[in-house]
Every structure is written in structure tokens, then in C-alpha cells.
Amino acid sequence: QVQLMESGGGLVQPGGSLRLSCAASGTIFAPNVMAWYRQAPGKVRELVASINSVGTTSYADSVKGRFAISRDNAKIAVRLQMNSLKPEDTAVYYCNLKLLQGPTRGDYWGQGTQVTVSS
């Protein structure tokens, strides 16, 4: 069984910063990919940023230069540092873990955390 526990999020003014954290527990093998997705009301869930088990990162164009994803392989944890936040960043943010091999191979999701950017 694999579980993801998220923390962080909340209300912030435009231009502010927030940090999201996600820790995984259970039977986890490398290689794997950890990522953050978001879903705004009335919109489809979109990939925000991802990082694989060797540290290669990828970002959505809308967050490049403002968000930074990092991971701690020893703790199987991922963080998303969000700077220069805009109202359009408002969404529920979900942590995602893709296990590419092993008995628990599959796609796992956190419960989601609300990020609201508003003055």
C-alpha cells in the first residue's frame, strides 16, 4: 500500500509565496516520478511540475521561473516552492507518485490541498 500525505497551501496575496510538501509511505521502488498537478474550478487537471528519481525536472510553461520542484529521495518526499503567485494559480494542488516497477507499480494521488491567490 502506498500513501501520499500533503501539507502546505492556503491563502496568499498576489506576488506572495507558498510551499507545498508531500511525503510518501509504503513499498516504493525506483525508478519513479513525483509530480504536482492542479485543478481549477471548471478546468481539467493539469501537470504543474515533475521530478524523477535522478532529479530531472519538468515544468508547465505557465509556472517556469516562478515555481521550483525538489525531492528528498531518502524520505520519498517532494516539495513545490511557489513564488510570484498569481490569481490564475488558484486551484487544488495534488501530489502524484508514479511507480514504474515493483509490486506496487502504478499511479498514486494525494488528497489535494487548496491554494488561493487573492487580495
Protein backbone atom coordinates (compact mmCIF):
# COMPACT_ATOMS: atom_id res chain seq x y z
CA GLN A 1 0.00 0.00 0.00
CA VAL A 2 1.31 3.42 -0.95
CA GLN A 3 0.02 6.62 0.60
CA LEU A 4 0.77 10.28 -0.02
CA MET A 5 0.40 12.94 2.66
CA GLU A 6 0.34 16.58 1.57
CA SER A 7 0.85 19.75 3.60
CA GLY A 8 1.01 23.45 2.88
CA GLY A 9 -1.30 25.53 0.78
CA GLY A 10 -3.64 28.27 1.93
CA LEU A 11 -4.47 31.86 1.09
CA VAL A 12 -1.82 34.27 -0.19
CA GLN A 13 -1.83 37.66 -1.85
CA PRO A 14 -0.68 38.10 -5.45
CA GLY A 15 3.10 38.19 -5.60
CA GLY A 16 3.42 36.09 -2.48
CA SER A 17 4.95 32.67 -1.92
CA LEU A 18 3.81 29.29 -0.65
CA ARG A 19 5.45 25.90 -0.27
CA LEU A 20 3.71 22.58 -0.70
CA SER A 21 5.12 19.35 0.70
CA CYS A 22 4.24 15.73 0.08
CA ALA A 23 5.60 12.62 1.78
CA ALA A 24 5.11 9.09 0.50
CA SER A 25 4.98 5.94 2.58
CA GLY A 26 4.71 2.26 1.76
CA THR A 27 6.54 -0.06 -0.63
CA ILE A 28 8.26 2.27 -3.08
CA PHE A 29 10.81 1.31 -5.71
CA ALA A 30 12.95 3.37 -8.04
CA PRO A 31 12.68 4.47 -10.74
CA ASN A 32 9.73 6.68 -10.02
CA VAL A 33 8.42 10.14 -10.79
CA MET A 34 6.96 12.59 -8.29
CA ALA A 35 4.86 15.48 -9.52
CA TRP A 36 2.38 18.18 -8.67
CA TYR A 37 -0.84 18.66 -10.61
CA ARG A 38 -3.53 21.27 -10.14
CA GLN A 39 -7.18 21.60 -10.95
CA ALA A 40 -9.05 24.89 -11.01
CA PRO A 41 -12.88 25.01 -10.90
CA GLY A 42 -14.35 24.04 -14.26
CA LYS A 43 -10.97 23.08 -15.71
CA VAL A 44 -9.15 19.81 -16.31
CA ARG A 45 -6.36 18.69 -14.04
CA GLU A 46 -3.00 19.84 -15.39
CA LEU A 47 0.60 18.95 -14.72
CA VAL A 48 2.47 21.72 -12.90
CA ALA A 49 5.90 20.19 -12.35
CA SER A 50 7.58 16.80 -12.13
CA ILE A 51 10.87 15.35 -10.93
CA ASN A 52 12.19 11.84 -11.46
CA SER A 53 14.31 9.75 -9.14
CA VAL A 54 17.55 11.09 -10.64
CA GLY A 55 16.47 14.72 -10.28
CA THR A 56 15.40 15.61 -13.80
CA THR A 57 12.68 18.27 -13.64
CA SER A 58 9.97 19.49 -15.97
CA TYR A 59 7.61 22.47 -15.64
CA ALA A 60 4.46 23.76 -17.25
CA ASP A 61 5.18 26.89 -19.27
CA SER A 62 2.83 28.89 -17.05
CA VAL A 63 4.99 28.34 -13.94
CA LYS A 64 8.53 28.32 -15.36
CA GLY A 65 10.76 30.73 -13.50
CA ARG A 66 8.29 31.03 -10.60
CA PHE A 67 7.90 27.51 -9.21
CA ALA A 68 10.62 25.07 -8.17
CA ILE A 69 10.18 21.35 -7.51
CA SER A 70 12.61 19.36 -5.39
CA ARG A 71 12.70 15.94 -3.77
CA ASP A 72 14.30 14.06 -0.92
CA ASN A 73 14.91 10.50 -2.07
CA ALA A 74 15.79 9.29 1.43
CA LYS A 75 12.37 10.38 2.70
CA ILE A 76 10.48 9.85 -0.58
CA ALA A 77 9.21 13.41 -0.34
CA VAL A 78 8.62 16.19 -2.83
CA ARG A 79 8.22 19.94 -2.36
CA LEU A 80 6.90 22.69 -4.59
CA GLN A 81 8.16 26.19 -3.86
CA MET A 82 5.77 28.67 -5.45
CA ASN A 83 6.89 32.28 -5.83
CA SER A 84 5.37 35.32 -7.53
CA LEU A 85 1.96 33.75 -7.24
CA LYS A 86 -0.84 34.98 -9.50
CA PRO A 87 -4.63 34.72 -9.14
CA GLU A 88 -4.62 32.22 -12.01
CA ASP A 89 -2.55 29.87 -9.84
CA THR A 90 -5.60 29.36 -7.65
CA ALA A 91 -6.51 25.67 -7.69
CA VAL A 92 -6.48 22.45 -5.74
CA TYR A 93 -2.96 21.06 -5.94
CA TYR A 94 -2.42 17.30 -5.96
CA CYS A 95 0.74 15.34 -5.27
CA ASN A 96 1.32 12.42 -7.63
CA LEU A 97 3.70 9.46 -7.47
CA LYS A 98 4.24 7.19 -10.46
CA LEU A 99 5.91 3.91 -9.59
CA LEU A 100 7.41 2.44 -12.73
CA GLN A 101 8.23 -1.05 -11.45
CA GLY A 102 7.80 -3.37 -8.50
CA PRO A 103 4.79 -4.98 -6.82
CA THR A 104 3.18 -1.59 -6.15
CA ARG A 105 3.66 -0.32 -9.70
CA GLY A 106 1.04 2.32 -10.53
CA ASP A 107 -0.21 5.85 -10.09
CA TYR A 108 -0.90 7.32 -6.64
CA TRP A 109 -2.51 10.61 -5.60
CA GLY A 110 -2.64 12.77 -2.52
CA GLN A 111 -5.91 14.15 -1.19
CA GLY A 112 -5.30 17.63 -2.62
CA THR A 113 -4.61 20.96 -0.94
CA GLN A 114 -6.24 24.30 -1.79
CA VAL A 115 -4.12 27.21 -2.93
CA THR A 116 -5.93 30.54 -3.23
CA VAL A 117 -4.22 33.65 -4.57
CA SER A 118 -6.32 36.71 -3.88
CA SER A 119 -6.07 40.21 -2.49
